[in-house]
């Protein structure tokens, strides 16, 4: 979401959506649903808490860790049934037509599920038999442990610490460039302070200059569409 948040087209649409909600033209849930359909994910269009990174909703089709819960006939054994009440109070609920998108807060990483509105009976689980089945099964086990009050472990597809650090450095480079910093200034701050004293020829042929160029190029790709690949841990 941090990369999409730097896309000026998304920024403009989100700002316009906030204005529409504040003026009563539309509801926060309706316009948030529209943004998610357009961009793949979004935080709620909430004038009281805009740009809330703790409440990011994603298109289920783009996120194999988002579990689609369904209505199901009553289980022969009530002890085996999971109902919406078992899920607990969600950190956030987004109403998308007849479907609720829930974020269940968990210390090891939030759990995202969808379910039909108005259902208070036993729940089933829709698991497509596709290449992401192993990811969905791991997410299902996390949900089971969460409901049981057990430690869940981190979400599947969680980016490695090294990948997360690289993504953050790329963002710093992008933000610095957007604020007017030169490539050399960025290199001096993010890579090696000695770069500031390089002569023109040495700087022009330096690995630090090439590294900054790669970071800015990769950040641009992520901001303008590539961010969706991060939903798959890529």
C-alpha atoms as a PDB file:
ATOM      1  CA  UNK A   1       0.000   0.000   0.000  1.00  0.00           C
ATOM      2  CA  UNK A   2       2.906   2.342   0.656  1.00  0.00           C
ATOM      3  CA  UNK A   3       3.810   2.225  -3.031  1.00  0.00           C
ATOM      4  CA  UNK A   4       0.254   2.709  -4.296  1.00  0.00           C
ATOM      5  CA  UNK A   5      -0.112   5.633  -1.876  1.00  0.00           C
ATOM      6  CA  UNK A   6       2.575   7.444  -3.900  1.00  0.00           C
ATOM      7  CA  UNK A   7       0.722   7.065  -7.193  1.00  0.00           C
ATOM      8  CA  UNK A   8      -0.586  10.537  -7.997  1.00  0.00           C
ATOM      9  CA  UNK A   9      -3.634   9.181  -9.831  1.00  0.00           C
ATOM     10  CA  UNK A  10      -4.636   7.126  -6.799  1.00  0.00           C
ATOM     11  CA  UNK A  11      -3.968  10.126  -4.550  1.00  0.00           C
ATOM     12  CA  UNK A  12      -6.288  12.279  -6.662  1.00  0.00           C
ATOM     13  CA  UNK A  13      -9.066   9.679  -6.695  1.00  0.00           C
ATOM     14  CA  UNK A  14      -8.750   9.080  -2.952  1.00  0.00           C
ATOM     15  CA  UNK A  15      -8.871  12.826  -2.223  1.00  0.00           C
ATOM     16  CA  UNK A  16     -11.957  13.211  -4.426  1.00  0.00           C
ATOM     17  CA  UNK A  17     -13.561  10.231  -2.692  1.00  0.00           C
ATOM     18  CA  UNK A  18     -12.934  11.794   0.719  1.00  0.00           C
ATOM     19  CA  UNK A  19     -14.656  14.943  -0.487  1.00  0.00           C
ATOM     20  CA  UNK A  20     -17.647  12.974  -1.750  1.00  0.00           C
ATOM     21  CA  UNK A  21     -18.019  11.195   1.595  1.00  0.00           C
ATOM     22  CA  UNK A  22     -17.726  14.445   3.545  1.00  0.00           C
ATOM     23  CA  UNK A  23     -20.391  16.083   1.361  1.00  0.00           C
ATOM     24  CA  UNK A  24     -22.744  13.109   1.671  1.00  0.00           C
ATOM     25  CA  UNK A  25     -22.688  12.199  -2.028  1.00  0.00           C
ATOM     26  CA  UNK A  26     -21.700   8.616  -1.265  1.00  0.00           C
ATOM     27  CA  UNK A  27     -20.830   6.366   1.657  1.00  0.00           C
ATOM     28  CA  UNK A  28     -17.349   5.469   2.831  1.00  0.00           C
ATOM     29  CA  UNK A  29     -17.933   1.757   2.180  1.00  0.00           C
ATOM     30  CA  UNK A  30     -19.278   2.285  -1.343  1.00  0.00           C
ATOM     31  CA  UNK A  31     -16.442   4.502  -2.506  1.00  0.00           C
ATOM     32  CA  UNK A  32     -13.808   2.359  -0.768  1.00  0.00           C
ATOM     33  CA  UNK A  33     -15.226  -0.653  -2.620  1.00  0.00           C
ATOM     34  CA  UNK A  34     -14.920   1.291  -5.874  1.00  0.00           C
ATOM     35  CA  UNK A  35     -11.277   2.152  -5.174  1.00  0.00           C
ATOM     36  CA  UNK A  36     -10.491  -1.482  -4.383  1.00  0.00           C
ATOM     37  CA  UNK A  37     -12.114  -2.558  -7.658  1.00  0.00           C
ATOM     38  CA  UNK A  38     -10.053   0.041  -9.543  1.00  0.00           C
ATOM     39  CA  UNK A  39      -6.688  -0.361  -7.831  1.00  0.00           C
ATOM     40  CA  UNK A  40      -6.759  -3.806  -6.236  1.00  0.00           C
ATOM     41  CA  UNK A  41      -6.507  -2.500  -2.675  1.00  0.00           C
ATOM     42  CA  UNK A  42      -7.120   0.596  -0.588  1.00  0.00           C
ATOM     43  CA  UNK A  43      -7.434   1.877   2.939  1.00  0.00           C
ATOM     44  CA  UNK A  44     -10.941   3.074   3.918  1.00  0.00           C
ATOM     45  CA  UNK A  45     -12.162   6.431   2.665  1.00  0.00           C
ATOM     46  CA  UNK A  46     -12.722   7.627   6.216  1.00  0.00           C
ATOM     47  CA  UNK A  47     -12.600  11.405   6.781  1.00  0.00           C
ATOM     48  CA  UNK A  48     -11.950  10.779  10.490  1.00  0.00           C
ATOM     49  CA  UNK A  49      -8.974   8.476   9.864  1.00  0.00           C
ATOM     50  CA  UNK A  50      -7.716   8.863   6.282  1.00  0.00           C
ATOM     51  CA  UNK A  51      -4.756   6.885   4.939  1.00  0.00           C
ATOM     52  CA  UNK A  52      -4.987   4.352   7.775  1.00  0.00           C
ATOM     53  CA  UNK A  53      -2.345   1.719   6.983  1.00  0.00           C
ATOM     54  CA  UNK A  54      -3.761  -0.629   9.628  1.00  0.00           C
ATOM     55  CA  UNK A  55      -7.027  -1.047   7.686  1.00  0.00           C
ATOM     56  CA  UNK A  56      -6.046  -2.067   4.177  1.00  0.00           C
ATOM     57  CA  UNK A  57      -8.563  -4.118   2.209  1.00  0.00           C
ATOM     58  CA  UNK A  58      -7.617  -6.170  -0.852  1.00  0.00           C
ATOM     59  CA  UNK A  59      -9.503  -7.767  -3.728  1.00  0.00           C
ATOM     60  CA  UNK A  60      -9.824 -11.417  -2.642  1.00  0.00           C
ATOM     61  CA  UNK A  61      -8.972 -12.594  -6.157  1.00  0.00           C
ATOM     62  CA  UNK A  62      -5.583 -10.873  -5.903  1.00  0.00           C
ATOM     63  CA  UNK A  63      -4.719 -12.125  -2.432  1.00  0.00           C
ATOM     64  CA  UNK A  64      -4.512 -15.889  -1.807  1.00  0.00           C
ATOM     65  CA  UNK A  65      -4.274 -15.259   1.949  1.00  0.00           C
ATOM     66  CA  UNK A  66      -7.753 -13.678   2.000  1.00  0.00           C
ATOM     67  CA  UNK A  67     -10.176 -16.463   2.924  1.00  0.00           C
ATOM     68  CA  UNK A  68     -13.686 -16.592   1.450  1.00  0.00           C
ATOM     69  CA  UNK A  69     -16.099 -17.928   4.059  1.00  0.00           C
ATOM     70  CA  UNK A  70     -19.451 -19.216   2.824  1.00  0.00           C
ATOM     71  CA  UNK A  71     -22.825 -20.217   4.230  1.00  0.00           C
ATOM     72  CA  UNK A  72     -23.092 -23.935   4.891  1.00  0.00           C
ATOM     73  CA  UNK A  73     -25.779 -26.298   6.249  1.00  0.00           C
ATOM     74  CA  UNK A  74     -25.698 -26.960   9.972  1.00  0.00           C
ATOM     75  CA  UNK A  75     -22.954 -29.361  10.982  1.00  0.00           C
ATOM     76  CA  UNK A  76     -24.029 -32.668  12.555  1.00  0.00           C
ATOM     77  CA  UNK A  77     -21.969 -31.719  15.584  1.00  0.00           C
ATOM     78  CA  UNK A  78     -22.406 -28.169  16.902  1.00  0.00           C
ATOM     79  CA  UNK A  79     -18.972 -28.423  18.473  1.00  0.00           C
ATOM     80  CA  UNK A  80     -17.421 -28.589  14.993  1.00  0.00           C
ATOM     81  CA  UNK A  81     -19.192 -25.492  13.697  1.00  0.00           C
ATOM     82  CA  UNK A  82     -17.574 -22.113  13.217  1.00  0.00           C
ATOM     83  CA  UNK A  83     -19.949 -19.156  13.086  1.00  0.00           C
ATOM     84  CA  UNK A  84     -19.356 -15.434  12.556  1.00  0.00           C
ATOM     85  CA  UNK A  85     -19.529 -15.006  16.333  1.00  0.00           C
ATOM     86  CA  UNK A  86     -16.440 -17.224  16.691  1.00  0.00           C
ATOM     87  CA  UNK A  87     -14.429 -14.776  14.600  1.00  0.00           C
ATOM     88  CA  UNK A  88     -14.627 -12.144  17.319  1.00  0.00           C
ATOM     89  CA  UNK A  89     -14.830  -8.389  16.919  1.00  0.00           C
ATOM     90  CA  UNK A  90     -13.008  -7.386  13.719  1.00  0.00           C
ATOM     91  CA  UNK A  91     -10.440  -4.619  13.614  1.00  0.00           C
ATOM     92  CA  UNK A  92     -12.353  -3.287  10.626  1.00  0.00           C
ATOM     93  CA  UNK A  93     -15.384  -4.327   8.575  1.00  0.00           C
ATOM     94  CA  UNK A  94     -15.981  -3.118   5.023  1.00  0.00           C
ATOM     95  CA  UNK A  95     -19.445  -3.628   3.552  1.00  0.00           C
ATOM     96  CA  UNK A  96     -19.178  -4.473  -0.176  1.00  0.00           C
ATOM     97  CA  UNK A  97     -22.737  -5.036  -1.332  1.00  0.00           C
ATOM     98  CA  UNK A  98     -23.861  -8.296   0.261  1.00  0.00           C
ATOM     99  CA  UNK A  99     -20.337  -9.250   1.314  1.00  0.00           C
ATOM    100  CA  UNK A 100     -18.413  -8.180   4.407  1.00  0.00           C
ATOM    101  CA  UNK A 101     -14.641  -7.856   4.250  1.00  0.00           C
ATOM    102  CA  UNK A 102     -13.226  -8.364   7.747  1.00  0.00           C
ATOM    103  CA  UNK A 103      -9.766  -7.663   9.123  1.00  0.00           C
ATOM    104  CA  UNK A 104      -9.139  -9.792  12.211  1.00  0.00           C
ATOM    105  CA  UNK A 105      -6.323  -8.280  14.251  1.00  0.00           C
ATOM    106  CA  UNK A 106      -3.591 -10.713  15.274  1.00  0.00           C
ATOM    107  CA  UNK A 107      -0.240  -9.899  16.852  1.00  0.00           C
ATOM    108  CA  UNK A 108       1.616 -12.072  14.328  1.00  0.00           C
ATOM    109  CA  UNK A 109      -0.156 -10.534  11.340  1.00  0.00           C
ATOM    110  CA  UNK A 110      -3.751  -9.637  10.524  1.00  0.00           C
ATOM    111  CA  UNK A 111      -6.138 -12.204   9.033  1.00  0.00           C
ATOM    112  CA  UNK A 112      -8.501 -11.205   6.216  1.00  0.00           C
ATOM    113  CA  UNK A 113     -11.771 -12.988   5.480  1.00  0.00           C
ATOM    114  CA  UNK A 114     -14.958 -12.325   3.538  1.00  0.00           C
ATOM    115  CA  UNK A 115     -18.443 -13.599   4.380  1.00  0.00           C
ATOM    116  CA  UNK A 116     -22.063 -13.029   3.422  1.00  0.00           C
ATOM    117  CA  UNK A 117     -23.962 -10.373   5.337  1.00  0.00           C
ATOM    118  CA  UNK A 118     -26.716 -11.449   7.691  1.00  0.00           C
ATOM    119  CA  UNK A 119     -25.435 -14.984   8.151  1.00  0.00           C
ATOM    120  CA  UNK A 120     -25.077 -16.038  11.774  1.00  0.00           C
ATOM    121  CA  UNK A 121     -25.048 -19.798  11.199  1.00  0.00           C
ATOM    122  CA  UNK A 122     -22.235 -22.261  10.518  1.00  0.00           C
ATOM    123  CA  UNK A 123     -19.599 -21.179   8.033  1.00  0.00           C
ATOM    124  CA  UNK A 124     -17.885 -23.075   5.259  1.00  0.00           C
ATOM    125  CA  UNK A 125     -14.701 -22.232   3.408  1.00  0.00           C
ATOM    126  CA  UNK A 126     -14.211 -21.879  -0.339  1.00  0.00           C
ATOM    127  CA  UNK A 127     -10.793 -23.164  -1.418  1.00  0.00           C
ATOM    128  CA  UNK A 128     -10.127 -23.029  -5.173  1.00  0.00           C
ATOM    129  CA  UNK A 129      -7.958 -25.902  -6.392  1.00  0.00           C
ATOM    130  CA  UNK A 130      -5.350 -23.693  -8.005  1.00  0.00           C
ATOM    131  CA  UNK A 131      -1.616 -23.092  -7.734  1.00  0.00           C
ATOM    132  CA  UNK A 132      -2.182 -21.111  -4.523  1.00  0.00           C
ATOM    133  CA  UNK A 133      -3.913 -23.932  -2.645  1.00  0.00           C
ATOM    134  CA  UNK A 134      -0.937 -24.449  -0.324  1.00  0.00           C
ATOM    135  CA  UNK A 135      -1.032 -20.749   0.582  1.00  0.00           C
ATOM    136  CA  UNK A 136      -4.773 -20.853   1.243  1.00  0.00           C
ATOM    137  CA  UNK A 137      -4.376 -23.953   3.403  1.00  0.00           C
ATOM    138  CA  UNK A 138      -1.683 -22.216   5.457  1.00  0.00           C
ATOM    139  CA  UNK A 139      -3.951 -19.166   5.834  1.00  0.00           C
ATOM    140  CA  UNK A 140      -6.800 -21.472   6.857  1.00  0.00           C
ATOM    141  CA  UNK A 141      -4.686 -23.036   9.590  1.00  0.00           C
ATOM    142  CA  UNK A 142      -3.818 -19.539  10.861  1.00  0.00           C
ATOM    143  CA  UNK A 143      -7.537 -18.717  11.031  1.00  0.00           C
ATOM    144  CA  UNK A 144      -8.258 -21.951  12.905  1.00  0.00           C
ATOM    145  CA  UNK A 145      -5.546 -21.215  15.454  1.00  0.00           C
ATOM    146  CA  UNK A 146      -6.686 -17.589  15.780  1.00  0.00           C
ATOM    147  CA  UNK A 147     -10.239 -18.701  16.560  1.00  0.00           C
ATOM    148  CA  UNK A 148      -8.899 -21.238  19.066  1.00  0.00           C
ATOM    149  CA  UNK A 149      -6.788 -18.614  20.830  1.00  0.00           C
ATOM    150  CA  UNK A 150      -3.512 -20.244  19.781  1.00  0.00           C
ATOM    151  CA  UNK A 151      -0.341 -18.664  18.413  1.00  0.00           C
ATOM    152  CA  UNK A 152      -0.732 -18.311  14.653  1.00  0.00           C
ATOM    153  CA  UNK A 153       2.745 -17.596  13.387  1.00  0.00           C
ATOM    154  CA  UNK A 154       3.373 -15.112  10.565  1.00  0.00           C
ATOM    155  CA  UNK A 155       1.119 -14.991   7.494  1.00  0.00           C
ATOM    156  CA  UNK A 156       2.119 -17.051   4.462  1.00  0.00           C
ATOM    157  CA  UNK A 157       3.735 -15.015   1.671  1.00  0.00           C
ATOM    158  CA  UNK A 158       5.177 -12.596   4.228  1.00  0.00           C
ATOM    159  CA  UNK A 159       8.118 -10.840   2.597  1.00  0.00           C
ATOM    160  CA  UNK A 160      11.540 -11.659   3.990  1.00  0.00           C
ATOM    161  CA  UNK A 161      13.195  -9.105   6.246  1.00  0.00           C
ATOM    162  CA  UNK A 162      15.796  -8.423   3.532  1.00  0.00           C
ATOM    163  CA  UNK A 163      13.085  -7.785   0.922  1.00  0.00           C
ATOM    164  CA  UNK A 164      11.188  -5.511   3.295  1.00  0.00           C
ATOM    165  CA  UNK A 165      14.330  -3.500   4.014  1.00  0.00           C
ATOM    166  CA  UNK A 166      15.061  -3.114   0.305  1.00  0.00           C
ATOM    167  CA  UNK A 167      11.511  -1.924  -0.359  1.00  0.00           C
ATOM    168  CA  UNK A 168      11.814   0.662   2.419  1.00  0.00           C
ATOM    169  CA  UNK A 169      15.141   1.937   1.090  1.00  0.00           C
ATOM    170  CA  UNK A 170      13.629   2.240  -2.387  1.00  0.00           C
ATOM    171  CA  UNK A 171      10.790   4.301  -0.912  1.00  0.00           C
ATOM    172  CA  UNK A 172      13.259   6.564   0.856  1.00  0.00           C
ATOM    173  CA  UNK A 173      15.085   7.084  -2.425  1.00  0.00           C
ATOM    174  CA  UNK A 174      11.828   7.850  -4.235  1.00  0.00           C
ATOM    175  CA  UNK A 175      10.624  10.267  -1.562  1.00  0.00           C
ATOM    176  CA  UNK A 176      13.996  11.973  -1.447  1.00  0.00           C
ATOM    177  CA  UNK A 177      14.040  12.431  -5.198  1.00  0.00           C
ATOM    178  CA  UNK A 178      10.471  13.749  -5.119  1.00  0.00           C
ATOM    179  CA  UNK A 179      11.581  16.270  -2.471  1.00  0.00           C
ATOM    180  CA  UNK A 180      14.316  17.576  -4.741  1.00  0.00           C
ATOM    181  CA  UNK A 181      17.383  15.625  -3.594  1.00  0.00           C
ATOM    182  CA  UNK A 182      19.930  14.796  -6.269  1.00  0.00           C
ATOM    183  CA  UNK A 183      20.985  11.236  -7.025  1.00  0.00           C
ATOM    184  CA  UNK A 184      24.378  11.972  -5.448  1.00  0.00           C
ATOM    185  CA  UNK A 185      22.763  13.320  -2.270  1.00  0.00           C
ATOM    186  CA  UNK A 186      20.624  10.202  -2.062  1.00  0.00           C
ATOM    187  CA  UNK A 187      23.659   7.974  -2.496  1.00  0.00           C
ATOM    188  CA  UNK A 188      25.539   9.844   0.239  1.00  0.00           C
ATOM    189  CA  UNK A 189      22.668   9.324   2.691  1.00  0.00           C
ATOM    190  CA  UNK A 190      21.526   5.833   1.724  1.00  0.00           C
ATOM    191  CA  UNK A 191      24.752   4.121   0.625  1.00  0.00           C
ATOM    192  CA  UNK A 192      28.079   5.803   1.382  1.00  0.00           C
ATOM    193  CA  UNK A 193      28.761   9.296   2.758  1.00  0.00           C
ATOM    194  CA  UNK A 194      32.059   9.428   0.844  1.00  0.00           C
ATOM    195  CA  UNK A 195      30.110   9.814  -2.390  1.00  0.00           C
ATOM    196  CA  UNK A 196      29.637  13.506  -1.565  1.00  0.00           C
ATOM    197  CA  UNK A 197      33.340  14.129  -2.158  1.00  0.00           C
ATOM    198  CA  UNK A 198      33.570  12.259  -5.483  1.00  0.00           C
ATOM    199  CA  UNK A 199      34.642  14.196  -8.525  1.00  0.00           C
ATOM    200  CA  UNK A 200      32.313  14.380 -11.515  1.00  0.00           C
ATOM    201  CA  UNK A 201      34.036  11.576 -13.433  1.00  0.00           C
ATOM    202  CA  UNK A 202      34.244   9.238 -10.434  1.00  0.00           C
ATOM    203  CA  UNK A 203      30.614   9.844  -9.545  1.00  0.00           C
ATOM    204  CA  UNK A 204      29.455   9.348 -13.130  1.00  0.00           C
ATOM    205  CA  UNK A 205      31.021   5.878 -13.253  1.00  0.00           C
ATOM    206  CA  UNK A 206      30.297   4.860  -9.651  1.00  0.00           C
ATOM    207  CA  UNK A 207      28.337   1.800  -8.537  1.00  0.00           C
ATOM    208  CA  UNK A 208      26.493   4.038  -6.053  1.00  0.00           C
ATOM    209  CA  UNK A 209      25.069   6.120  -8.905  1.00  0.00           C
ATOM    210  CA  UNK A 210      23.933   2.973 -10.704  1.00  0.00           C
ATOM    211  CA  UNK A 211      22.393   1.614  -7.491  1.00  0.00           C
ATOM    212  CA  UNK A 212      20.334   4.761  -6.943  1.00  0.00           C
ATOM    213  CA  UNK A 213      19.184   4.539 -10.551  1.00  0.00           C
ATOM    214  CA  UNK A 214      18.051   0.941 -10.064  1.00  0.00           C
ATOM    215  CA  UNK A 215      16.213   1.787  -6.839  1.00  0.00           C
ATOM    216  CA  UNK A 216      14.361   4.674  -8.460  1.00  0.00           C
ATOM    217  CA  UNK A 217      13.495   2.591 -11.511  1.00  0.00           C
ATOM    218  CA  UNK A 218      12.216  -0.317  -9.412  1.00  0.00           C
ATOM    219  CA  UNK A 219      10.246   2.031  -7.154  1.00  0.00           C
ATOM    220  CA  UNK A 220       8.559   3.576 -10.191  1.00  0.00           C
ATOM    221  CA  UNK A 221       7.520   0.143 -11.459  1.00  0.00           C
ATOM    222  CA  UNK A 222       5.990  -0.737  -8.086  1.00  0.00           C
ATOM    223  CA  UNK A 223       4.157   2.582  -7.757  1.00  0.00           C
ATOM    224  CA  UNK A 224       2.604   2.267 -11.207  1.00  0.00           C
ATOM    225  CA  UNK A 225       1.156  -1.237 -10.999  1.00  0.00           C
ATOM    226  CA  UNK A 226       3.906  -3.502  -9.736  1.00  0.00           C
ATOM    227  CA  UNK A 227       2.689  -3.174  -6.144  1.00  0.00           C
ATOM    228  CA  UNK A 228       0.149  -5.913  -6.907  1.00  0.00           C
ATOM    229  CA  UNK A 229       2.959  -8.473  -7.156  1.00  0.00           C
ATOM    230  CA  UNK A 230       3.761  -7.831  -3.487  1.00  0.00           C
ATOM    231  CA  UNK A 231       0.381  -9.333  -2.569  1.00  0.00           C
ATOM    232  CA  UNK A 232       1.788 -12.648  -3.748  1.00  0.00           C
ATOM    233  CA  UNK A 233       5.074 -12.235  -1.897  1.00  0.00           C
ATOM    234  CA  UNK A 234       6.953 -11.620  -5.148  1.00  0.00           C
END
